[in-house]
Amino acid sequence: MSNGLTRRDREKRAYNLGLVGAGAGVATVVLVVLAIVGVVGFALPVLTAVIAALAGFAFTRTVN
């Protein structure tokens, strides 16, 4: 079960991944609104959504 990390290291990794995922999720919502208004293109919201999804996947792999 252990991948060589201590419990503290796994906690820290999960916390950081949670922050990244939440931040990318908020950025995605803001960028989608800006893309609808026409300020930015749709590539940036898609990129931030992918980052949020990857961080969420890595978070679940870390805590399980």
C-alpha atoms as a PDB file:
ATOM      1  CA  MET A   1       0.000   0.000   0.000  1.00  0.00           C
ATOM      2  CA  SER A   2       2.778   2.407   0.828  1.00  0.00           C
ATOM      3  CA  ASN A   3       4.510   4.062  -2.084  1.00  0.00           C
ATOM      4  CA  GLY A   4       7.527   5.099  -0.032  1.00  0.00           C
ATOM      5  CA  LEU A   5       6.011   8.287   1.374  1.00  0.00           C
ATOM      6  CA  THR A   6       5.396   8.879   5.037  1.00  0.00           C
ATOM      7  CA  ARG A   7       1.915   9.663   6.259  1.00  0.00           C
ATOM      8  CA  ARG A   8       2.902  13.312   6.732  1.00  0.00           C
ATOM      9  CA  ASP A   9       4.206  13.507   3.163  1.00  0.00           C
ATOM     10  CA  ARG A  10       0.977  11.988   1.823  1.00  0.00           C
ATOM     11  CA  GLU A  11      -1.062  14.479   3.869  1.00  0.00           C
ATOM     12  CA  LYS A  12       0.984  17.368   2.516  1.00  0.00           C
ATOM     13  CA  ARG A  13       0.657  16.081  -1.047  1.00  0.00           C
ATOM     14  CA  ALA A  14      -3.108  15.639  -0.685  1.00  0.00           C
ATOM     15  CA  TYR A  15      -3.446  19.154   0.758  1.00  0.00           C
ATOM     16  CA  ASN A  16      -1.458  20.689  -2.101  1.00  0.00           C
ATOM     17  CA  LEU A  17      -3.402  18.727  -4.707  1.00  0.00           C
ATOM     18  CA  GLY A  18      -6.633  19.900  -3.096  1.00  0.00           C
ATOM     19  CA  LEU A  19      -5.490  23.501  -3.332  1.00  0.00           C
ATOM     20  CA  VAL A  20      -4.449  23.104  -6.959  1.00  0.00           C
ATOM     21  CA  GLY A  21      -7.688  21.364  -7.895  1.00  0.00           C
ATOM     22  CA  ALA A  22      -9.875  23.926  -6.158  1.00  0.00           C
ATOM     23  CA  GLY A  23      -7.923  26.846  -7.595  1.00  0.00           C
ATOM     24  CA  ALA A  24      -8.051  25.414 -11.089  1.00  0.00           C
ATOM     25  CA  GLY A  25     -11.780  24.767 -10.686  1.00  0.00           C
ATOM     26  CA  VAL A  26     -12.447  28.369  -9.696  1.00  0.00           C
ATOM     27  CA  ALA A  27     -10.231  29.595 -12.535  1.00  0.00           C
ATOM     28  CA  THR A  28     -12.160  27.381 -14.963  1.00  0.00           C
ATOM     29  CA  VAL A  29     -15.498  28.873 -13.942  1.00  0.00           C
ATOM     30  CA  VAL A  30     -14.172  32.433 -14.214  1.00  0.00           C
ATOM     31  CA  LEU A  31     -12.548  31.755 -17.580  1.00  0.00           C
ATOM     32  CA  VAL A  32     -15.702  30.119 -18.965  1.00  0.00           C
ATOM     33  CA  VAL A  33     -17.679  33.226 -18.038  1.00  0.00           C
ATOM     34  CA  LEU A  34     -15.018  35.420 -19.659  1.00  0.00           C
ATOM     35  CA  ALA A  35     -15.035  33.204 -22.757  1.00  0.00           C
ATOM     36  CA  ILE A  36     -18.814  33.499 -23.040  1.00  0.00           C
ATOM     37  CA  VAL A  37     -18.518  37.275 -22.773  1.00  0.00           C
ATOM     38  CA  GLY A  38     -15.790  37.194 -25.416  1.00  0.00           C
ATOM     39  CA  VAL A  39     -12.775  38.363 -23.422  1.00  0.00           C
ATOM     40  CA  VAL A  40     -10.746  35.147 -23.785  1.00  0.00           C
ATOM     41  CA  GLY A  41     -10.911  32.109 -26.038  1.00  0.00           C
ATOM     42  CA  PHE A  42     -12.177  28.696 -24.981  1.00  0.00           C
ATOM     43  CA  ALA A  43      -8.742  27.023 -24.996  1.00  0.00           C
ATOM     44  CA  LEU A  44      -7.725  28.416 -21.608  1.00  0.00           C
ATOM     45  CA  PRO A  45     -10.862  27.234 -19.764  1.00  0.00           C
ATOM     46  CA  VAL A  46     -10.408  23.767 -21.273  1.00  0.00           C
ATOM     47  CA  LEU A  47      -6.776  23.705 -20.136  1.00  0.00           C
ATOM     48  CA  THR A  48      -7.667  24.723 -16.580  1.00  0.00           C
ATOM     49  CA  ALA A  49     -10.465  22.134 -16.515  1.00  0.00           C
ATOM     50  CA  VAL A  50      -7.967  19.434 -17.501  1.00  0.00           C
ATOM     51  CA  ILE A  51      -5.585  20.601 -14.765  1.00  0.00           C
ATOM     52  CA  ALA A  52      -8.409  20.513 -12.209  1.00  0.00           C
ATOM     53  CA  ALA A  53      -9.411  17.008 -13.305  1.00  0.00           C
ATOM     54  CA  LEU A  54      -5.838  15.725 -13.135  1.00  0.00           C
ATOM     55  CA  ALA A  55      -5.342  17.246  -9.690  1.00  0.00           C
ATOM     56  CA  GLY A  56      -8.598  15.682  -8.514  1.00  0.00           C
ATOM     57  CA  PHE A  57      -7.572  12.289  -9.865  1.00  0.00           C
ATOM     58  CA  ALA A  58      -4.151  12.548  -8.222  1.00  0.00           C
ATOM     59  CA  PHE A  59      -5.819  13.605  -4.966  1.00  0.00           C
ATOM     60  CA  THR A  60      -8.045  10.539  -4.917  1.00  0.00           C
ATOM     61  CA  ARG A  61      -5.062   8.302  -5.704  1.00  0.00           C
ATOM     62  CA  THR A  62      -3.156   9.902  -2.818  1.00  0.00           C
ATOM     63  CA  VAL A  63      -5.852   9.486  -0.167  1.00  0.00           C
ATOM     64  CA  ASN A  64      -6.842   5.933  -1.174  1.00  0.00           C
END
